PDB file of all heavy atoms in Angstrom:
ATOM      1  N   ALA A   1     111.312 111.220 113.428  1.00  0.00           N
ATOM      2  CA  ALA A   1     112.026 111.421 112.161  1.00  0.00           C
ATOM      3  C   ALA A   1     113.234 110.513 112.036  1.00  0.00           C
ATOM      4  O   ALA A   1     113.537 110.012 110.939  1.00  0.00           O
ATOM      5  CB  ALA A   1     112.442 112.887 112.032  1.00  0.00           C
ATOM      6  N   TRP A   2     113.951 110.254 113.135  1.00  0.00           N
ATOM      7  CA  TRP A   2     115.150 109.436 113.025  1.00  0.00           C
ATOM      8  C   TRP A   2     114.816 107.995 112.690  1.00  0.00           C
ATOM      9  O   TRP A   2     115.605 107.309 112.023  1.00  0.00           O
ATOM     10  CB  TRP A   2     116.003 109.525 114.298  1.00  0.00           C
ATOM     11  CG  TRP A   2     115.507 108.756 115.486  1.00  0.00           C
ATOM     12  CD1 TRP A   2     114.730 109.226 116.500  1.00  0.00           C
ATOM     13  CD2 TRP A   2     115.781 107.384 115.793  1.00  0.00           C
ATOM     14  NE1 TRP A   2     114.485 108.231 117.432  1.00  0.00           N
ATOM     15  CE2 TRP A   2     115.128 107.100 117.016  1.00  0.00           C
ATOM     16  CE3 TRP A   2     116.508 106.375 115.155  1.00  0.00           C
ATOM     17  CZ2 TRP A   2     115.173 105.834 117.610  1.00  0.00           C
ATOM     18  CZ3 TRP A   2     116.557 105.109 115.753  1.00  0.00           C
ATOM     19  CH2 TRP A   2     115.896 104.856 116.963  1.00  0.00           C
ATOM     20  N   VAL A   3     113.638 107.516 113.123  1.00  0.00           N
ATOM     21  CA  VAL A   3     113.234 106.150 112.792  1.00  0.00           C
ATOM     22  C   VAL A   3     112.895 106.056 111.304  1.00  0.00           C
ATOM     23  O   VAL A   3     113.210 105.061 110.639  1.00  0.00           O
ATOM     24  CB  VAL A   3     112.044 105.707 113.658  1.00  0.00           C
ATOM     25  CG1 VAL A   3     111.646 104.268 113.334  1.00  0.00           C
ATOM     26  CG2 VAL A   3     112.375 105.831 115.138  1.00  0.00           C
ATOM     27  N   LYS A   4     112.273 107.107 110.770  1.00  0.00           N
ATOM     28  CA  LYS A   4     112.009 107.134 109.334  1.00  0.00           C
ATOM     29  C   LYS A   4     113.322 107.198 108.553  1.00  0.00           C
ATOM     30  O   LYS A   4     113.465 106.544 107.513  1.00  0.00           O
ATOM     31  CB  LYS A   4     111.119 108.322 108.989  1.00  0.00           C
ATOM     32  CG  LYS A   4     109.728 108.241 109.598  1.00  0.00           C
ATOM     33  CD  LYS A   4     108.879 109.437 109.209  1.00  0.00           C
ATOM     34  CE  LYS A   4     107.523 109.395 109.887  1.00  0.00           C
ATOM     35  NZ  LYS A   4     106.670 110.543 109.504  1.00  0.00           N
ATOM     36  N   ALA A   5     114.278 107.975 109.052  1.00  0.00           N
ATOM     37  CA  ALA A   5     115.591 108.039 108.403  1.00  0.00           C
ATOM     38  C   ALA A   5     116.252 106.661 108.409  1.00  0.00           C
ATOM     39  O   ALA A   5     116.852 106.240 107.409  1.00  0.00           O
ATOM     40  CB  ALA A   5     116.476 109.062 109.106  1.00  0.00           C
ATOM     41  N   GLN A   6     116.146 105.968 109.520  1.00  0.00           N
ATOM     42  CA  GLN A   6     116.702 104.615 109.621  1.00  0.00           C
ATOM     43  C   GLN A   6     116.033 103.688 108.623  1.00  0.00           C
ATOM     44  O   GLN A   6     116.703 102.883 107.950  1.00  0.00           O
ATOM     45  CB  GLN A   6     116.512 104.095 111.044  1.00  0.00           C
ATOM     46  CG  GLN A   6     116.949 102.659 111.246  1.00  0.00           C
ATOM     47  CD  GLN A   6     116.725 102.208 112.685  1.00  0.00           C
ATOM     48  OE1 GLN A   6     117.654 102.115 113.467  1.00  0.00           O
ATOM     49  NE2 GLN A   6     115.478 101.939 113.039  1.00  0.00           N
ATOM     50  N   ALA A   7     114.701 103.779 108.497  1.00  0.00           N
ATOM     51  CA  ALA A   7     113.970 102.930 107.555  1.00  0.00           C
ATOM     52  C   ALA A   7     114.387 103.226 106.120  1.00  0.00           C
ATOM     53  O   ALA A   7     114.564 102.305 105.309  1.00  0.00           O
ATOM     54  CB  ALA A   7     112.468 103.136 107.727  1.00  0.00           C
ATOM     55  N   ILE A   8     114.557 104.496 105.787  1.00  0.00           N
ATOM     56  CA  ILE A   8     114.991 104.870 104.439  1.00  0.00           C
ATOM     57  C   ILE A   8     116.377 104.312 104.161  1.00  0.00           C
ATOM     58  O   ILE A   8     116.645 103.771 103.081  1.00  0.00           O
ATOM     59  CB  ILE A   8     114.959 106.401 104.290  1.00  0.00           C
ATOM     60  CG1 ILE A   8     113.511 106.902 104.293  1.00  0.00           C
ATOM     61  CG2 ILE A   8     115.686 106.839 103.020  1.00  0.00           C
ATOM     62  CD1 ILE A   8     113.378 108.396 104.447  1.00  0.00           C
ATOM     63  N   SER A   9     117.267 104.414 105.133  1.00  0.00           N
ATOM     64  CA  SER A   9     118.614 103.876 104.956  1.00  0.00           C
ATOM     65  C   SER A   9     118.576 102.364 104.748  1.00  0.00           C
ATOM     66  O   SER A   9     119.276 101.822 103.884  1.00  0.00           O
ATOM     67  CB  SER A   9     119.470 104.216 106.180  1.00  0.00           C
ATOM     68  OG  SER A   9     120.741 103.612 106.091  1.00  0.00           O
ATOM     69  N   ARG A  10     117.778 101.679 105.528  1.00  0.00           N
ATOM     70  CA  ARG A  10     117.653 100.225 105.346  1.00  0.00           C
ATOM     71  C   ARG A  10     117.156  99.907 103.936  1.00  0.00           C
ATOM     72  O   ARG A  10     117.654  98.974 103.289  1.00  0.00           O
ATOM     73  CB  ARG A  10     116.685  99.649 106.378  1.00  0.00           C
ATOM     74  CG  ARG A  10     117.200  99.603 107.808  1.00  0.00           C
ATOM     75  CD  ARG A  10     116.105  99.076 108.709  1.00  0.00           C
ATOM     76  NE  ARG A  10     116.498  99.017 110.111  1.00  0.00           N
ATOM     77  CZ  ARG A  10     115.656  98.745 111.101  1.00  0.00           C
ATOM     78  NH1 ARG A  10     114.374  98.517 110.841  1.00  0.00           N
ATOM     79  NH2 ARG A  10     116.081  98.705 112.347  1.00  0.00           N
ATOM     80  N   ALA A  11     116.157 100.659 103.467  1.00  0.00           N
ATOM     81  CA  ALA A  11     115.611 100.402 102.133  1.00  0.00           C
ATOM     82  C   ALA A  11     116.682 100.594 101.065  1.00  0.00           C
ATOM     83  O   ALA A  11     116.777  99.809 100.114  1.00  0.00           O
ATOM     84  CB  ALA A  11     114.417 101.313 101.875  1.00  0.00           C
ATOM     85  N   PHE A  12     117.506 101.625 101.210  1.00  0.00           N
ATOM     86  CA  PHE A  12     118.620 101.811 100.280  1.00  0.00           C
ATOM     87  C   PHE A  12     119.533 100.587 100.294  1.00  0.00           C
ATOM     88  O   PHE A  12     120.082 100.190  99.259  1.00  0.00           O
ATOM     89  CB  PHE A  12     119.422 103.063 100.658  1.00  0.00           C
ATOM     90  CG  PHE A  12     118.969 104.308  99.952  1.00  0.00           C
ATOM     91  CD1 PHE A  12     117.965 105.094 100.489  1.00  0.00           C
ATOM     92  CD2 PHE A  12     119.555 104.695  98.761  1.00  0.00           C
ATOM     93  CE1 PHE A  12     117.548 106.248  99.853  1.00  0.00           C
ATOM     94  CE2 PHE A  12     119.148 105.847  98.116  1.00  0.00           C
ATOM     95  CZ  PHE A  12     118.131 106.632  98.658  1.00  0.00           C
ATOM     96  N   GLY A  13     119.702  99.998 101.455  1.00  0.00           N
ATOM     97  CA  GLY A  13     120.570  98.835 101.573  1.00  0.00           C
ATOM     98  C   GLY A  13     120.037  97.605 100.867  1.00  0.00           C
ATOM     99  O   GLY A  13     120.798  96.673 100.581  1.00  0.00           O
ATOM    100  N   TYR A  14     118.737  97.575 100.591  1.00  0.00           N
ATOM    101  CA  TYR A  14     118.140  96.426  99.903  1.00  0.00           C
ATOM    102  C   TYR A  14     118.166  96.577  98.384  1.00  0.00           C
ATOM    103  O   TYR A  14     117.817  95.626  97.665  1.00  0.00           O
ATOM    104  CB  TYR A  14     116.690  96.226 100.355  1.00  0.00           C
ATOM    105  CG  TYR A  14     116.561  95.863 101.819  1.00  0.00           C
ATOM    106  CD1 TYR A  14     115.642  96.520 102.645  1.00  0.00           C
ATOM    107  CD2 TYR A  14     117.352  94.870 102.379  1.00  0.00           C
ATOM    108  CE1 TYR A  14     115.525  96.192 103.982  1.00  0.00           C
ATOM    109  CE2 TYR A  14     117.233  94.540 103.718  1.00  0.00           C
ATOM    110  CZ  TYR A  14     116.319  95.211 104.516  1.00  0.00           C
ATOM    111  OH  TYR A  14     116.204  94.882 105.839  1.00  0.00           O
ATOM    112  N   LEU A  15     118.562  97.734  97.890  1.00  0.00           N
ATOM    113  CA  LEU A  15     118.579  97.940  96.445  1.00  0.00           C
ATOM    114  C   LEU A  15     119.441  96.897  95.738  1.00  0.00           C
ATOM    115  O   LEU A  15     120.481  96.475  96.257  1.00  0.00           O
ATOM    116  CB  LEU A  15     119.096  99.345  96.116  1.00  0.00           C
ATOM    117  CG  LEU A  15     118.135 100.496  96.426  1.00  0.00           C
ATOM    118  CD1 LEU A  15     118.846 101.834  96.287  1.00  0.00           C
ATOM    119  CD2 LEU A  15     116.913 100.449  95.507  1.00  0.00           C
ATOM    120  N   ASP A  16     118.981  96.486  94.581  1.00  0.00           N
ATOM    121  CA  ASP A  16     119.659  95.530  93.692  1.00  0.00           C
ATOM    122  C   ASP A  16     119.517  94.073  94.141  1.00  0.00           C
ATOM    123  O   ASP A  16     120.034  93.183  93.456  1.00  0.00           O
ATOM    124  CB  ASP A  16     121.144  95.868  93.528  1.00  0.00           C
ATOM    125  CG  ASP A  16     121.360  97.235  92.895  1.00  0.00           C
ATOM    126  OD1 ASP A  16     120.549  97.614  92.031  1.00  0.00           O
ATOM    127  OD2 ASP A  16     122.329  97.920  93.263  1.00  0.00           O
ATOM    128  N   ARG A  17     118.838  93.828  95.270  1.00  0.00           N
ATOM    129  CA  ARG A  17     118.599  92.422  95.616  1.00  0.00           C
ATOM    130  C   ARG A  17     117.476  91.879  94.733  1.00  0.00           C
ATOM    131  O   ARG A  17     116.592  92.622  94.304  1.00  0.00           O
ATOM    132  CB  ARG A  17     118.235  92.285  97.096  1.00  0.00           C
ATOM    133  CG  ARG A  17     119.352  92.745  98.006  1.00  0.00           C
ATOM    134  CD  ARG A  17     119.163  92.321  99.438  1.00  0.00           C
ATOM    135  NE  ARG A  17     120.142  93.002 100.300  1.00  0.00           N
ATOM    136  CZ  ARG A  17     120.291  92.778 101.581  1.00  0.00           C
ATOM    137  NH1 ARG A  17     119.535  91.875 102.192  1.00  0.00           N
ATOM    138  NH2 ARG A  17     121.200  93.439 102.281  1.00  0.00           N
ATOM    139  N   PRO A  18     117.496  90.578  94.452  1.00  0.00           N
ATOM    140  CA  PRO A  18     116.488  90.021  93.546  1.00  0.00           C
ATOM    141  C   PRO A  18     115.107  89.926  94.184  1.00  0.00           C
ATOM    142  O   PRO A  18     114.967  90.000  95.412  1.00  0.00           O
ATOM    143  CB  PRO A  18     117.043  88.622  93.238  1.00  0.00           C
ATOM    144  CG  PRO A  18     117.903  88.297  94.418  1.00  0.00           C
ATOM    145  CD  PRO A  18     118.496  89.593  94.880  1.00  0.00           C
ATOM    146  N   TYR A  19     114.117  89.784  93.326  1.00  0.00           N
ATOM    147  CA  TYR A  19     112.741  89.598  93.791  1.00  0.00           C
ATOM    148  C   TYR A  19     112.578  88.183  94.337  1.00  0.00           C
ATOM    149  O   TYR A  19     113.145  87.231  93.806  1.00  0.00           O
ATOM    150  CB  TYR A  19     111.755  89.828  92.644  1.00  0.00           C
ATOM    151  CG  TYR A  19     110.312  89.852  93.075  1.00  0.00           C
ATOM    152  CD1 TYR A  19     109.769  91.003  93.637  1.00  0.00           C
ATOM    153  CD2 TYR A  19     109.501  88.735  92.923  1.00  0.00           C
ATOM    154  CE1 TYR A  19     108.435  91.042  94.029  1.00  0.00           C
ATOM    155  CE2 TYR A  19     108.167  88.765  93.307  1.00  0.00           C
ATOM    156  CZ  TYR A  19     107.644  89.923  93.868  1.00  0.00           C
ATOM    157  OH  TYR A  19     106.334  89.948  94.270  1.00  0.00           O
ATOM    158  N   ASP A  20     111.807  88.060  95.400  1.00  0.00           N
ATOM    159  CA  ASP A  20     111.621  86.763  96.049  1.00  0.00           C
ATOM    160  C   ASP A  20     110.349  86.099  95.532  1.00  0.00           C
ATOM    161  O   ASP A  20     109.255  86.331  96.052  1.00  0.00           O
ATOM    162  CB  ASP A  20     111.542  86.951  97.566  1.00  0.00           C
ATOM    163  CG  ASP A  20     111.480  85.626  98.311  1.00  0.00           C
ATOM    164  OD1 ASP A  20     111.535  84.563  97.644  1.00  0.00           O
ATOM    165  OD2 ASP A  20     111.363  85.640  99.539  1.00  0.00           O
ATOM    166  N   PHE A  21     110.499  85.277  94.522  1.00  0.00           N
ATOM    167  CA  PHE A  21     109.338  84.605  93.948  1.00  0.00           C
ATOM    168  C   PHE A  21     108.801  83.504  94.856  1.00  0.00           C
ATOM    169  O   PHE A  21     107.714  82.973  94.616  1.00  0.00           O
ATOM    170  CB  PHE A  21     109.681  84.044  92.567  1.00  0.00           C
ATOM    171  CG  PHE A  21     109.888  85.111  91.525  1.00  0.00           C
ATOM    172  CD1 PHE A  21     111.165  85.557  91.215  1.00  0.00           C
ATOM    173  CD2 PHE A  21     108.806  85.685  90.881  1.00  0.00           C
ATOM    174  CE1 PHE A  21     111.355  86.555  90.259  1.00  0.00           C
ATOM    175  CE2 PHE A  21     108.987  86.686  89.927  1.00  0.00           C
ATOM    176  CZ  PHE A  21     110.268  87.120  89.618  1.00  0.00           C
ATOM    177  N   ASP A  22     109.544  83.164  95.923  1.00  0.00           N
ATOM    178  CA  ASP A  22     109.059  82.180  96.897  1.00  0.00           C
ATOM    179  C   ASP A  22     108.321  82.842  98.059  1.00  0.00           C
ATOM    180  O   ASP A  22     107.792  82.143  98.930  1.00  0.00           O
ATOM    181  CB  ASP A  22     110.239  81.362  97.453  1.00  0.00           C
ATOM    182  CG  ASP A  22     110.845  80.444  96.414  1.00  0.00           C
ATOM    183  OD1 ASP A  22     110.087  79.965  95.540  1.00  0.00           O
ATOM    184  OD2 ASP A  22     112.066  80.205  96.455  1.00  0.00           O
ATOM    185  N   PHE A  23     108.313  84.168  98.125  1.00  0.00           N
ATOM    186  CA  PHE A  23     107.629  84.905  99.197  1.00  0.00           C
ATOM    187  C   PHE A  23     108.085  84.423 100.569  1.00  0.00           C
ATOM    188  O   PHE A  23     107.283  84.171 101.463  1.00  0.00           O
ATOM    189  CB  PHE A  23     106.105  84.789  99.053  1.00  0.00           C
ATOM    190  CG  PHE A  23     105.563  85.501  97.849  1.00  0.00           C
ATOM    191  CD1 PHE A  23     105.604  84.914  96.589  1.00  0.00           C
ATOM    192  CD2 PHE A  23     105.021  86.770  97.965  1.00  0.00           C
ATOM    193  CE1 PHE A  23     105.126  85.576  95.473  1.00  0.00           C
ATOM    194  CE2 PHE A  23     104.529  87.438  96.852  1.00  0.00           C
ATOM    195  CZ  PHE A  23     104.590  86.844  95.603  1.00  0.00           C
ATOM    196  N   ASP A  24     109.389  84.295 100.726  1.00  0.00           N
ATOM    197  CA  ASP A  24     109.971  83.770 101.964  1.00  0.00           C
ATOM    198  C   ASP A  24     110.449  84.933 102.836  1.00  0.00           C
ATOM    199  O   ASP A  24     111.486  85.539 102.562  1.00  0.00           O
ATOM    200  CB  ASP A  24     111.136  82.832 101.627  1.00  0.00           C
ATOM    201  CG  ASP A  24     111.765  82.228 102.872  1.00  0.00           C
ATOM    202  OD1 ASP A  24     111.220  82.399 103.973  1.00  0.00           O
ATOM    203  OD2 ASP A  24     112.827  81.587 102.736  1.00  0.00           O
ATOM    204  N   PHE A  25     109.702  85.240 103.900  1.00  0.00           N
ATOM    205  CA  PHE A  25     110.053  86.342 104.792  1.00  0.00           C
ATOM    206  C   PHE A  25     111.122  85.942 105.809  1.00  0.00           C
ATOM    207  O   PHE A  25     111.532  86.770 106.612  1.00  0.00           O
ATOM    208  CB  PHE A  25     108.807  86.838 105.524  1.00  0.00           C
ATOM    209  CG  PHE A  25     108.025  87.879 104.756  1.00  0.00           C
ATOM    210  CD1 PHE A  25     107.528  87.602 103.479  1.00  0.00           C
ATOM    211  CD2 PHE A  25     107.785  89.121 105.291  1.00  0.00           C
ATOM    212  CE1 PHE A  25     106.817  88.538 102.774  1.00  0.00           C
ATOM    213  CE2 PHE A  25     107.070  90.085 104.588  1.00  0.00           C
ATOM    214  CZ  PHE A  25     106.592  89.793 103.328  1.00  0.00           C
ATOM    215  N   ALA A  26     111.581  84.700 105.781  1.00  0.00           N
ATOM    216  CA  ALA A  26     112.610  84.269 106.734  1.00  0.00           C
ATOM    217  C   ALA A  26     113.995  84.740 106.331  1.00  0.00           C
ATOM    218  O   ALA A  26     114.916  84.746 107.145  1.00  0.00           O
ATOM    219  CB  ALA A  26     112.591  82.741 106.866  1.00  0.00           C
ATOM    220  N   SER A  27     114.167  85.156 105.084  1.00  0.00           N
ATOM    221  CA  SER A  27     115.469  85.577 104.583  1.00  0.00           C
ATOM    222  C   SER A  27     115.336  86.911 103.864  1.00  0.00           C
ATOM    223  O   SER A  27     114.291  87.205 103.264  1.00  0.00           O
ATOM    224  CB  SER A  27     116.030  84.522 103.621  1.00  0.00           C
ATOM    225  OG  SER A  27     117.126  85.027 102.884  1.00  0.00           O
ATOM    226  N   ASP A  28     116.400  87.727 103.909  1.00  0.00           N
ATOM    227  CA  ASP A  28     116.373  88.997 103.187  1.00  0.00           C
ATOM    228  C   ASP A  28     117.300  88.985 101.975  1.00  0.00           C
ATOM    229  O   ASP A  28     117.640  90.029 101.432  1.00  0.00           O
ATOM    230  CB  ASP A  28     116.730  90.151 104.117  1.00  0.00           C
ATOM    231  CG  ASP A  28     118.170  90.078 104.634  1.00  0.00           C
ATOM    232  OD1 ASP A  28     118.880  89.110 104.287  1.00  0.00           O
ATOM    233  OD2 ASP A  28     118.574  90.983 105.381  1.00  0.00           O
ATOM    234  N   GLN A  29     117.720  87.802 101.538  1.00  0.00           N
ATOM    235  CA  GLN A  29     118.570  87.717 100.353  1.00  0.00           C
ATOM    236  C   GLN A  29     117.808  88.089  99.088  1.00  0.00           C
ATOM    237  O   GLN A  29     118.397  88.537  98.105  1.00  0.00           O
ATOM    238  CB  GLN A  29     119.153  86.306 100.222  1.00  0.00           C
ATOM    239  CG  GLN A  29     120.047  85.913 101.389  1.00  0.00           C
ATOM    240  CD  GLN A  29     121.145  86.938 101.619  1.00  0.00           C
ATOM    241  OE1 GLN A  29     121.950  87.213 100.736  1.00  0.00           O
ATOM    242  NE2 GLN A  29     121.189  87.519 102.821  1.00  0.00           N
ATOM    243  N   SER A  30     116.507  87.863  99.093  1.00  0.00           N
ATOM    244  CA  SER A  30     115.615  88.326  98.039  1.00  0.00           C
ATOM    245  C   SER A  30     114.333  88.784  98.731  1.00  0.00           C
ATOM    246  O   SER A  30     113.995  88.286  99.808  1.00  0.00           O
ATOM    247  CB  SER A  30     115.331  87.208  97.017  1.00  0.00           C
ATOM    248  OG  SER A  30     114.811  86.054  97.652  1.00  0.00           O
ATOM    249  N   LEU A  31     113.640  89.747  98.118  1.00  0.00           N
ATOM    250  CA  LEU A  31     112.514  90.368  98.805  1.00  0.00           C
ATOM    251  C   LEU A  31     111.333  90.597  97.870  1.00  0.00           C
ATOM    252  O   LEU A  31     111.506  90.848  96.680  1.00  0.00           O
ATOM    253  CB  LEU A  31     112.917  91.720  99.409  1.00  0.00           C
ATOM    254  CG  LEU A  31     114.045  91.734 100.439  1.00  0.00           C
ATOM    255  CD1 LEU A  31     115.361  92.104  99.757  1.00  0.00           C
ATOM    256  CD2 LEU A  31     113.760  92.717 101.560  1.00  0.00           C
ATOM    257  N   VAL A  32     110.121  90.538  98.466  1.00  0.00           N
ATOM    258  CA  VAL A  32     108.914  90.962  97.768  1.00  0.00           C
ATOM    259  C   VAL A  32     108.601  92.395  98.183  1.00  0.00           C
ATOM    260  O   VAL A  32     109.230  92.943  99.093  1.00  0.00           O
ATOM    261  CB  VAL A  32     107.717  90.033  98.071  1.00  0.00           C
ATOM    262  CG1 VAL A  32     107.989  88.638  97.552  1.00  0.00           C
ATOM    263  CG2 VAL A  32     107.403  90.004  99.549  1.00  0.00           C
ATOM    264  N   CYS A  33     107.610  92.979  97.535  1.00  0.00           N
ATOM    265  CA  CYS A  33     107.369  94.415  97.733  1.00  0.00           C
ATOM    266  C   CYS A  33     107.061  94.771  99.186  1.00  0.00           C
ATOM    267  O   CYS A  33     107.668  95.690  99.755  1.00  0.00           O
ATOM    268  CB  CYS A  33     106.250  94.881  96.811  1.00  0.00           C
ATOM    269  SG  CYS A  33     104.614  94.164  97.137  1.00  0.00           S
ATOM    270  N   SER A  34     106.138  94.062  99.811  1.00  0.00           N
ATOM    271  CA  SER A  34     105.770  94.391 101.186  1.00  0.00           C
ATOM    272  C   SER A  34     106.885  94.061 102.162  1.00  0.00           C
ATOM    273  O   SER A  34     106.958  94.654 103.251  1.00  0.00           O
ATOM    274  CB  SER A  34     104.487  93.657 101.577  1.00  0.00           C
ATOM    275  OG  SER A  34     104.642  92.255 101.404  1.00  0.00           O
ATOM    276  N   GLU A  35     107.771  93.142 101.776  1.00  0.00           N
ATOM    277  CA  GLU A  35     108.883  92.798 102.657  1.00  0.00           C
ATOM    278  C   GLU A  35     109.877  93.949 102.761  1.00  0.00           C
ATOM    279  O   GLU A  35     110.515  94.136 103.814  1.00  0.00           O
ATOM    280  CB  GLU A  35     109.588  91.537 102.149  1.00  0.00           C
ATOM    281  CG  GLU A  35     110.605  90.966 103.123  1.00  0.00           C
ATOM    282  CD  GLU A  35     111.221  89.680 102.625  1.00  0.00           C
ATOM    283  OE1 GLU A  35     110.908  89.250 101.490  1.00  0.00           O
ATOM    284  OE2 GLU A  35     112.035  89.097 103.374  1.00  0.00           O
ATOM    285  N   VAL A  36     110.024  94.737 101.706  1.00  0.00           N
ATOM    286  CA  VAL A  36     110.892  95.913 101.781  1.00  0.00           C
ATOM    287  C   VAL A  36     110.379  96.868 102.855  1.00  0.00           C
ATOM    288  O   VAL A  36     111.138  97.380 103.681  1.00  0.00           O
ATOM    289  CB  VAL A  36     110.971  96.614 100.406  1.00  0.00           C
ATOM    290  CG1 VAL A  36     111.725  97.924 100.530  1.00  0.00           C
ATOM    291  CG2 VAL A  36     111.642  95.722  99.376  1.00  0.00           C
ATOM    292  N   VAL A  37     109.056  97.100 102.873  1.00  0.00           N
ATOM    293  CA  VAL A  37     108.455  97.965 103.892  1.00  0.00           C
ATOM    294  C   VAL A  37     108.593  97.334 105.263  1.00  0.00           C
ATOM    295  O   VAL A  37     108.992  97.984 106.239  1.00  0.00           O
ATOM    296  CB  VAL A  37     106.972  98.226 103.553  1.00  0.00           C
ATOM    297  CG1 VAL A  37     106.288  98.996 104.684  1.00  0.00           C
ATOM    298  CG2 VAL A  37     106.844  98.978 102.239  1.00  0.00           C
TER     299      VAL A  37
END
């Protein structure tokens, strides 16, 4: 459960970042849907 809690907290931290139209997984400044997971 604590790992799921950590994942949920991380996801909250990504809110409001822009969508990554370059699909670049090397950076988290912008993200695609599967990159959030």
